Amino acid sequence: MKPMTSMTRSRSVTAATASLAVLAAIVVPVSGASAAPSGTAAETTGSAAASPWSSRAIASYDALQDHLYLGAPGHGLYRENTDPQSPNPYSYLWEYREAAQASLDLQGLPGVGPAFANSAAARVAGFEHYYAVKPGGRAGYESYLPAPLGSGGDVYYDDNTVVGLSFVSQYQATHDAAALDQARAAFDIAVRGWNTDPTLACPGGLDWIDTPGNTTRGANITGLAAQLAAHLYEETREPAYLSWSTRLYDWNETCLKAGEGLYQNSRHDDGTVDPTLWTYNSGAMIGTAAILYRATGDPAYLTAAKASAAGSLAYWTAEGRLQQQPAIFNSFYFKDLLLLDSISHDPAYREAVEGYATVTWRSNRDPATGLFHFQPSGGGDYDPTRPAATLDQAAMVQIFAVLGWKPGALGAVA
């Protein structure tokens, strides 16, 4: 995952079966939307689905699997994008995680979600392809596949944190204790990054990369780890997780807050601050506060979550900013808004998510392939010349899927 202003960085059971199983259960006319590609859920007859979002989620997932999934011969992994000249045979961990999360979110669709259980379990198991133990016993999920499938890469703490959130999703869906144990282990990797140098401006915060040369502490790593710790406290009631969650949350509030619900990207060891704002940093803090309220009953956290939601929505929905953000960052933000909505309803939350999802379905999707195309940033206007990316496609599956959940189920958003 990338907290930098640049959207690039140097990194040292098939789903089709599940999709076919649910096609007969979906029939939703998608009013005003582009025609879905042949054979997808949006064209299939059967009993009525809960909402048009279910059919959009499944149609988008079909396209992801048809064009970017490598299947059993490719070890159940994904391509980075549709560019045949892409230098890597497989995607980075971040892309794989988001495709896995798409399967996990599809499990929440009313009536048809259980048909995705095998795919979700397979994707979760696939995280092990990226796991390695370096000399000296320092373990982690690497940014690129270690041997024998790849040459390996650095351990990015934000990557490991969101993998942990996927394990939480799987635990919430299945109550499999092994998934909770894996979430705990991922958190242990992430908090190795807590910076202990007392001489730095605003001491603390999580480092970005597990390397001696790291000079960046990020809002995304710190906020997402706070969210993971809040989930773990809620599930285990172990005080250490509450302590970590509040420590991480408070560091972002103190050291990177730029306005209500808005957080600067990162602090650097030389004292400079990257002021770039991203939607997912807003989302992680909303989600953390919402879970902490649910877990502790402290109304201050609910007040903070609602204030962050109001402030961030006022900013992001103005001047077309939301549409220009990377789709994958918006997927985090939107899910956190809907998580908060499950606790304290405000129609503005869902209105923002549905508005974005509707425009993006109509404007950024190629009806011939079902794939979404954005600018090189991962957001903005339709650009058919840019290869479709696993990251972008998975983001849209996640957004559509969670919009298709029943409101009472949104408390399980991880």
Protein backbone atom coordinates (compact mmCIF):
# COMPACT_ATOMS: atom_id res chain seq x y z
CA MET A 1 0.00 0.00 0.00
CA LYS A 2 1.29 3.45 -0.84
CA PRO A 3 1.18 6.43 1.51
CA MET A 4 3.37 8.51 -0.80
CA THR A 5 1.97 11.16 -3.11
CA SER A 6 3.31 9.13 -6.01
CA MET A 7 1.11 6.14 -6.77
CA THR A 8 4.13 4.04 -7.70
CA ARG A 9 6.95 2.62 -5.66
CA SER A 10 9.73 0.14 -6.17
CA ARG A 11 9.14 -3.10 -4.36
CA SER A 12 12.22 -5.15 -3.58
CA VAL A 13 -11.54 -23.35 -5.80
CA THR A 14 -11.72 -20.82 -8.83
CA ALA A 15 -13.87 -17.75 -8.39
CA ALA A 16 -15.73 -18.50 -11.60
CA THR A 17 -17.33 -21.47 -9.90
CA ALA A 18 -18.62 -19.29 -7.08
CA SER A 19 -19.89 -16.69 -9.50
CA LEU A 20 -21.78 -19.16 -11.64
CA ALA A 21 -23.41 -20.55 -8.53
CA VAL A 22 -25.06 -17.23 -7.78
CA LEU A 23 -26.05 -16.08 -11.24
CA ALA A 24 -29.46 -17.71 -11.15
CA ALA A 25 -30.21 -15.92 -7.90
CA ILE A 26 -29.71 -12.44 -9.32
CA VAL A 27 -31.93 -10.36 -11.51
CA VAL A 28 -31.71 -6.63 -11.10
CA PRO A 29 -32.35 -4.05 -13.80
CA VAL A 30 -29.52 -1.54 -13.53
CA SER A 31 -31.27 1.65 -14.44
CA GLY A 32 -29.24 4.00 -16.59
CA ALA A 33 -26.09 1.90 -16.37
CA SER A 34 -23.88 0.56 -19.12
CA ALA A 35 -24.80 -2.86 -20.44
CA ALA A 36 -23.10 -5.65 -18.55
CA PRO A 37 -20.83 -8.02 -20.45
CA SER A 38 -22.43 -11.21 -21.70
CA GLY A 39 -22.92 -13.93 -19.15
CA THR A 40 -22.60 -11.77 -16.03
CA ALA A 41 -24.99 -11.53 -13.15
CA ALA A 42 -26.69 -8.40 -14.41
CA GLU A 43 -28.06 -10.27 -17.42
CA THR A 44 -29.15 -13.42 -15.63
CA THR A 45 -32.74 -14.19 -14.74
CA GLY A 46 -33.94 -15.65 -11.49
CA SER A 47 -35.30 -14.49 -8.17
CA ALA A 48 -34.94 -10.87 -7.22
CA ALA A 49 -31.75 -9.75 -5.50
CA ALA A 50 -31.71 -7.41 -2.55
CA SER A 51 -30.44 -4.43 -4.56
CA PRO A 52 -28.83 -3.50 -7.86
CA TRP A 53 -25.52 -3.30 -6.06
CA SER A 54 -25.38 -7.08 -5.72
CA SER A 55 -25.51 -7.57 -9.47
CA ARG A 56 -22.94 -4.86 -10.06
CA ALA A 57 -20.61 -6.42 -7.51
CA ILE A 58 -20.86 -9.86 -9.07
CA ALA A 59 -20.56 -8.58 -12.65
CA SER A 60 -17.43 -6.64 -11.68
CA TYR A 61 -16.04 -9.68 -9.89
CA ASP A 62 -16.67 -11.81 -12.98
CA ALA A 63 -14.61 -9.35 -15.00
CA LEU A 64 -11.83 -9.40 -12.40
CA GLN A 65 -11.68 -13.19 -12.56
CA ASP A 66 -12.00 -13.39 -16.34
CA HIS A 67 -9.22 -10.92 -17.12
CA LEU A 68 -6.86 -10.76 -14.14
CA TYR A 69 -7.08 -14.00 -12.16
CA LEU A 70 -4.46 -16.60 -13.05
CA GLY A 71 -6.29 -19.67 -11.72
CA ALA A 72 -4.77 -22.88 -10.51
CA PRO A 73 -1.87 -22.84 -13.06
CA GLY A 74 -0.97 -19.42 -11.65
CA HIS A 75 -1.13 -20.60 -8.02
CA GLY A 76 -4.42 -18.80 -7.44
CA LEU A 77 -2.72 -15.41 -7.84
CA TYR A 78 -3.52 -12.33 -9.91
CA ARG A 79 -1.89 -10.23 -12.57
CA GLU A 80 -1.09 -6.64 -11.70
CA ASN A 81 -2.99 -5.37 -14.73
CA THR A 82 -4.05 -6.34 -18.24
CA ASP A 83 -0.86 -5.05 -19.88
CA PRO A 84 0.75 -8.07 -21.61
CA GLN A 85 4.13 -6.32 -21.27
CA SER A 86 3.91 -6.04 -17.49
CA PRO A 87 7.33 -7.00 -16.08
CA ASN A 88 5.98 -9.15 -13.24
CA PRO A 89 4.13 -12.41 -13.80
CA TYR A 90 2.16 -11.87 -10.59
CA SER A 91 0.80 -8.90 -8.70
CA TYR A 92 2.28 -7.29 -5.63
CA LEU A 93 0.84 -8.14 -2.23
CA TRP A 94 -1.30 -5.00 -2.17
CA GLU A 95 -3.16 -5.95 -5.35
CA TYR A 96 -3.58 -9.51 -4.15
CA ARG A 97 -4.92 -8.34 -0.81
CA GLU A 98 -7.56 -6.16 -2.44
CA ALA A 99 -8.69 -8.99 -4.74
CA ALA A 100 -8.90 -11.24 -1.69
CA GLN A 101 -10.91 -8.62 0.16
CA ALA A 102 -13.30 -8.43 -2.78
CA SER A 103 -14.07 -12.14 -2.31
CA LEU A 104 -14.47 -11.60 1.42
CA ASP A 105 -16.89 -8.71 0.91
CA LEU A 106 -18.97 -10.72 -1.55
CA GLN A 107 -19.66 -13.17 1.27
CA GLY A 108 -21.85 -10.50 2.86
CA LEU A 109 -24.33 -10.27 -0.04
CA PRO A 110 -27.80 -11.32 1.11
CA GLY A 111 -28.84 -14.76 -0.12
CA VAL A 112 -25.89 -15.34 -2.45
CA GLY A 113 -22.94 -14.58 -0.21
CA PRO A 114 -22.33 -18.17 0.94
CA ALA A 115 -21.58 -19.16 -2.66
CA PHE A 116 -18.37 -17.12 -2.37
CA ALA A 117 -17.16 -18.84 0.78
CA ASN A 118 -14.79 -21.23 -1.01
CA SER A 119 -13.28 -18.44 -3.09
CA ALA A 120 -12.80 -16.26 -0.02
CA ALA A 121 -11.15 -19.09 1.89
CA ALA A 122 -8.82 -19.81 -1.03
CA ARG A 123 -7.81 -16.16 -1.32
CA VAL A 124 -7.13 -15.93 2.41
CA ALA A 125 -5.00 -19.07 2.24
CA GLY A 126 -3.11 -17.50 -0.66
CA PHE A 127 -1.60 -14.83 1.58
CA GLU A 128 0.94 -17.49 2.58
CA HIS A 129 2.54 -17.16 -0.86
CA TYR A 130 3.78 -13.73 0.23
CA TYR A 131 4.95 -14.73 3.71
CA ALA A 132 8.61 -15.28 4.47
CA VAL A 133 11.02 -15.38 7.36
CA LYS A 134 14.19 -13.44 6.72
CA PRO A 135 17.58 -14.41 8.16
CA GLY A 136 17.51 -13.70 11.86
CA GLY A 137 13.87 -14.77 12.17
CA ARG A 138 12.21 -11.49 11.15
CA ALA A 139 8.95 -12.60 9.50
CA GLY A 140 6.34 -10.78 7.47
CA TYR A 141 4.23 -10.63 4.35
CA GLU A 142 6.57 -9.32 1.66
CA SER A 143 5.61 -6.78 -0.96
CA TYR A 144 6.37 -9.26 -3.73
CA LEU A 145 6.39 -13.03 -3.76
CA PRO A 146 9.45 -14.62 -2.17
CA ALA A 147 11.09 -17.69 -3.71
CA PRO A 148 10.19 -19.92 -5.38
CA LEU A 149 7.53 -17.78 -7.12
CA GLY A 150 9.38 -14.48 -7.06
CA SER A 151 12.40 -12.57 -5.84
CA GLY A 152 10.77 -11.24 -2.70
CA GLY A 153 10.48 -7.69 -1.45
CA ASP A 154 10.42 -5.49 1.60
CA VAL A 155 7.94 -5.88 4.43
CA TYR A 156 5.67 -2.84 4.29
CA TYR A 157 3.85 -2.38 7.55
CA ASP A 158 0.72 -1.00 5.88
CA ASP A 159 0.50 -4.09 3.67
CA ASN A 160 0.74 -6.32 6.72
CA THR A 161 -1.90 -4.29 8.54
CA VAL A 162 -4.50 -4.62 5.78
CA VAL A 163 -3.75 -8.33 5.48
CA GLY A 164 -4.61 -8.46 9.18
CA LEU A 165 -7.89 -6.68 8.46
CA SER A 166 -8.70 -9.33 5.86
CA PHE A 167 -8.14 -12.02 8.47
CA VAL A 168 -10.59 -10.12 10.69
CA SER A 169 -13.10 -10.17 7.84
CA GLN A 170 -12.71 -13.90 7.49
CA TYR A 171 -13.08 -14.39 11.23
CA GLN A 172 -16.26 -12.34 11.28
CA ALA A 173 -17.67 -14.36 8.39
CA THR A 174 -16.69 -17.81 9.65
CA HIS A 175 -15.78 -17.55 13.36
CA ASP A 176 -12.73 -19.63 12.51
CA ALA A 177 -10.31 -19.16 15.39
CA ALA A 178 -7.36 -19.67 13.03
CA ALA A 179 -8.30 -16.49 11.15
CA LEU A 180 -8.32 -14.52 14.39
CA ASP A 181 -4.90 -15.95 15.27
CA GLN A 182 -3.61 -14.84 11.87
CA ALA A 183 -5.00 -11.34 12.43
CA ARG A 184 -3.17 -11.19 15.76
CA ALA A 185 0.07 -12.33 14.12
CA ALA A 186 -0.26 -9.69 11.37
CA PHE A 187 -0.77 -7.02 14.01
CA ASP A 188 2.38 -8.17 15.81
CA ILE A 189 4.29 -7.66 12.57
CA ALA A 190 2.82 -4.19 12.04
CA VAL A 191 3.56 -2.82 15.51
CA ARG A 192 7.22 -3.72 15.15
CA GLY A 193 7.18 -0.48 13.20
CA TRP A 194 6.41 1.75 16.21
CA ASN A 195 9.16 4.36 16.12
CA THR A 196 10.96 4.68 19.45
CA ASP A 197 13.36 7.52 18.59
CA PRO A 198 12.64 10.23 21.19
CA THR A 199 14.63 12.87 19.29
CA LEU A 200 12.24 13.04 16.33
CA ALA A 201 9.61 15.71 15.98
CA CYS A 202 6.38 14.16 17.23
CA PRO A 203 7.96 10.92 18.51
CA GLY A 204 6.12 7.68 17.81
CA GLY A 205 3.96 6.66 14.89
CA LEU A 206 4.48 3.62 12.72
CA ASP A 207 7.31 3.40 10.21
CA TRP A 208 6.36 2.63 6.64
CA ILE A 209 8.88 -0.10 5.80
CA ASP A 210 10.69 -2.69 7.90
CA THR A 211 14.17 -1.52 6.97
CA PRO A 212 16.90 0.45 8.74
CA GLY A 213 16.71 3.05 5.98
CA ASN A 214 13.07 3.93 6.63
CA THR A 215 12.56 7.66 7.25
CA THR A 216 8.76 7.87 6.99
CA ARG A 217 5.97 7.50 9.52
CA GLY A 218 2.58 7.43 7.84
CA ALA A 219 -1.01 8.29 8.65
CA ASN A 220 -2.20 5.25 6.75
CA ILE A 221 -0.04 2.68 8.54
CA THR A 222 -0.75 4.21 11.93
CA GLY A 223 -4.50 4.65 11.39
CA LEU A 224 -5.06 1.23 9.84
CA ALA A 225 -3.09 -0.44 12.64
CA ALA A 226 -5.25 1.44 15.15
CA GLN A 227 -8.30 0.03 13.39
CA LEU A 228 -6.92 -3.51 13.42
CA ALA A 229 -6.08 -3.20 17.13
CA ALA A 230 -9.60 -1.92 17.86
CA HIS A 231 -11.07 -4.98 16.13
CA LEU A 232 -8.77 -7.27 18.07
CA TYR A 233 -9.71 -5.64 21.35
CA GLU A 234 -13.39 -6.01 20.51
CA GLU A 235 -12.94 -9.69 19.73
CA THR A 236 -10.52 -10.67 22.52
CA ARG A 237 -11.00 -8.04 25.25
CA GLU A 238 -7.26 -8.09 25.81
CA PRO A 239 -6.25 -4.70 27.28
CA ALA A 240 -3.02 -4.53 25.26
CA TYR A 241 -5.00 -4.14 22.04
CA LEU A 242 -7.03 -1.26 23.49
CA SER A 243 -3.82 0.39 24.63
CA TRP A 244 -2.28 0.03 21.18
CA SER A 245 -5.38 1.24 19.38
CA THR A 246 -5.68 4.40 21.43
CA ARG A 247 -1.94 5.09 21.23
CA LEU A 248 -1.93 4.80 17.45
CA TYR A 249 -5.16 6.76 17.05
CA ASP A 250 -3.91 9.54 19.31
CA TRP A 251 -0.63 9.84 17.39
CA ASN A 252 -2.45 10.53 14.15
CA GLU A 253 -4.72 13.00 15.94
CA THR A 254 -1.78 14.82 17.48
CA CYS A 255 0.86 14.63 14.78
CA LEU A 256 -0.89 14.52 11.38
CA LYS A 257 -4.36 16.03 11.78
CA ALA A 258 -4.97 18.79 9.22
CA GLY A 259 -8.65 19.43 9.94
CA GLU A 260 -11.73 17.58 11.11
CA GLY A 261 -11.49 14.12 9.53
CA LEU A 262 -8.44 15.06 7.45
CA TYR A 263 -4.89 13.78 7.98
CA GLN A 264 -1.61 14.68 6.37
CA ASN A 265 0.12 11.83 4.63
CA SER A 266 3.30 11.41 6.64
CA ARG A 267 6.06 12.76 8.82
CA HIS A 268 9.69 12.34 7.86
CA ASP A 269 12.71 12.01 10.08
CA ASP A 270 14.18 15.28 8.78
CA GLY A 271 11.23 17.14 10.29
CA THR A 272 9.27 17.71 7.09
CA VAL A 273 5.63 16.76 6.66
CA ASP A 274 3.95 15.55 3.48
CA PRO A 275 0.61 17.41 3.58
CA THR A 276 -1.15 15.30 0.94
CA LEU A 277 -4.65 14.21 1.94
CA TRP A 278 -6.11 10.82 1.04
CA THR A 279 -9.60 9.46 1.63
CA TYR A 280 -8.42 6.23 3.21
CA ASN A 281 -6.64 8.12 5.97
CA SER A 282 -9.94 9.80 6.79
CA GLY A 283 -11.63 6.41 6.73
CA ALA A 284 -9.21 4.61 9.03
CA MET A 285 -9.72 7.17 11.76
CA ILE A 286 -13.51 7.10 11.39
CA GLY A 287 -13.49 3.31 11.50
CA THR A 288 -11.18 3.17 14.51
CA ALA A 289 -13.27 5.61 16.53
CA ALA A 290 -16.48 3.79 15.61
CA ILE A 291 -15.11 0.41 16.70
CA LEU A 292 -13.64 1.87 19.89
CA TYR A 293 -17.04 3.32 20.74
CA ARG A 294 -18.68 -0.02 20.09
CA ALA A 295 -16.06 -1.87 22.15
CA THR A 296 -15.80 0.52 25.09
CA GLY A 297 -19.10 2.40 25.15
CA ASP A 298 -17.18 5.68 25.54
CA PRO A 299 -19.36 8.33 23.83
CA ALA A 300 -16.30 10.48 23.11
CA TYR A 301 -15.31 8.03 20.37
CA LEU A 302 -18.71 8.21 18.72
CA THR A 303 -18.59 11.99 18.84
CA ALA A 304 -15.14 11.91 17.26
CA ALA A 305 -16.21 9.46 14.54
CA LYS A 306 -19.22 11.56 13.59
CA ALA A 307 -17.20 14.77 13.57
CA SER A 308 -14.55 13.14 11.37
CA ALA A 309 -17.22 11.86 9.00
CA ALA A 310 -18.89 15.26 8.72
CA GLY A 311 -15.63 17.14 8.26
CA SER A 312 -14.18 14.73 5.73
CA LEU A 313 -17.40 14.53 3.71
CA ALA A 314 -17.59 18.31 3.53
CA TYR A 315 -14.08 18.36 2.10
CA TRP A 316 -14.10 15.31 -0.16
CA THR A 317 -17.50 15.92 -1.76
CA ALA A 318 -16.57 19.50 -2.71
CA GLU A 319 -15.01 20.49 -6.04
CA GLY A 320 -15.01 16.93 -7.42
CA ARG A 321 -12.29 15.82 -5.01
CA LEU A 322 -13.86 12.45 -4.26
CA GLN A 323 -13.93 11.40 -7.90
CA GLN A 324 -10.26 12.28 -8.29
CA GLN A 325 -9.12 10.08 -5.41
CA PRO A 326 -7.86 6.58 -6.23
CA ALA A 327 -10.77 4.15 -6.27
CA ILE A 328 -8.97 1.85 -3.86
CA PHE A 329 -8.57 4.62 -1.28
CA ASN A 330 -12.26 5.43 -1.65
CA SER A 331 -13.17 1.81 -0.99
CA PHE A 332 -11.57 2.06 2.46
CA TYR A 333 -13.23 5.39 3.17
CA PHE A 334 -16.68 4.30 2.06
CA LYS A 335 -16.64 1.10 4.06
CA ASP A 336 -15.68 3.02 7.18
CA LEU A 337 -18.53 5.48 6.60
CA LEU A 338 -20.97 2.59 6.28
CA LEU A 339 -19.52 0.97 9.40
CA LEU A 340 -20.24 4.19 11.29
CA ASP A 341 -23.70 4.31 9.73
CA SER A 342 -24.44 0.92 11.28
CA ILE A 343 -23.84 2.50 14.69
CA SER A 344 -25.22 6.00 14.20
CA HIS A 345 -27.32 6.43 11.07
CA ASP A 346 -26.82 9.46 8.87
CA PRO A 347 -28.20 9.34 5.31
CA ALA A 348 -25.32 11.51 4.11
CA TYR A 349 -22.91 8.59 4.47
CA ARG A 350 -24.68 6.22 2.12
CA GLU A 351 -25.63 9.06 -0.21
CA ALA A 352 -21.95 9.85 -0.78
CA VAL A 353 -21.05 6.20 -1.40
CA GLU A 354 -23.95 5.57 -3.77
CA GLY A 355 -23.29 8.80 -5.65
CA TYR A 356 -19.70 7.83 -6.32
CA ALA A 357 -20.57 4.23 -7.16
CA THR A 358 -23.29 5.25 -9.61
CA VAL A 359 -21.11 7.75 -11.46
CA THR A 360 -18.16 5.37 -11.63
CA TRP A 361 -20.28 2.49 -12.95
CA ARG A 362 -21.60 4.70 -15.72
CA SER A 363 -18.44 6.64 -16.55
CA ASN A 364 -15.40 4.42 -15.87
CA ARG A 365 -16.55 0.96 -16.91
CA ASP A 366 -15.98 -0.62 -20.30
CA PRO A 367 -19.25 -2.45 -21.02
CA ALA A 368 -17.50 -4.81 -23.44
CA THR A 369 -15.20 -6.23 -20.76
CA GLY A 370 -16.77 -5.14 -17.49
CA LEU A 371 -13.41 -3.64 -16.48
CA PHE A 372 -12.91 -0.22 -14.93
CA HIS A 373 -10.38 2.22 -16.32
CA PHE A 374 -9.06 5.28 -14.50
CA GLN A 375 -6.25 7.75 -14.87
CA PRO A 376 -2.72 6.62 -13.90
CA SER A 377 -3.48 7.85 -10.37
CA GLY A 378 -6.14 5.15 -10.02
CA GLY A 379 -8.93 7.71 -9.99
CA GLY A 380 -10.48 10.39 -12.16
CA ASP A 381 -11.86 10.21 -15.67
CA TYR A 382 -12.17 7.15 -17.87
CA ASP A 383 -8.94 6.37 -19.72
CA PRO A 384 -9.36 3.37 -22.03
CA THR A 385 -5.66 3.49 -22.97
CA ARG A 386 -4.55 2.66 -19.44
CA PRO A 387 -4.54 -1.08 -18.72
CA ALA A 388 -7.24 -2.21 -16.33
CA ALA A 389 -5.71 -2.87 -12.92
CA THR A 390 -6.48 -5.52 -10.32
CA LEU A 391 -6.31 -2.81 -7.66
CA ASP A 392 -9.00 -0.69 -9.34
CA GLN A 393 -11.28 -3.59 -10.24
CA ALA A 394 -11.11 -5.03 -6.74
CA ALA A 395 -11.90 -1.62 -5.29
CA MET A 396 -15.12 -1.37 -7.26
CA VAL A 397 -16.15 -4.92 -6.34
CA GLN A 398 -15.69 -4.03 -2.68
CA ILE A 399 -17.70 -0.82 -2.95
CA PHE A 400 -20.60 -2.43 -4.80
CA ALA A 401 -20.59 -5.47 -2.53
CA VAL A 402 -20.80 -3.55 0.73
CA LEU A 403 -23.54 -1.34 -0.70
CA GLY A 404 -25.41 -4.61 -1.31
CA TRP A 405 -25.18 -5.76 2.30
CA LYS A 406 -28.18 -5.47 4.55
CA PRO A 407 -27.82 -2.42 6.82
CA GLY A 408 -27.77 -4.64 9.89
CA ALA A 409 -24.72 -6.49 8.58
CA LEU A 410 -22.54 -3.40 8.11
CA GLY A 411 -21.21 -3.66 11.62
CA ALA A 412 -19.05 -6.51 10.30
CA VAL A 413 -17.09 -4.24 7.95
CA ALA A 414 -13.41 -4.69 8.80
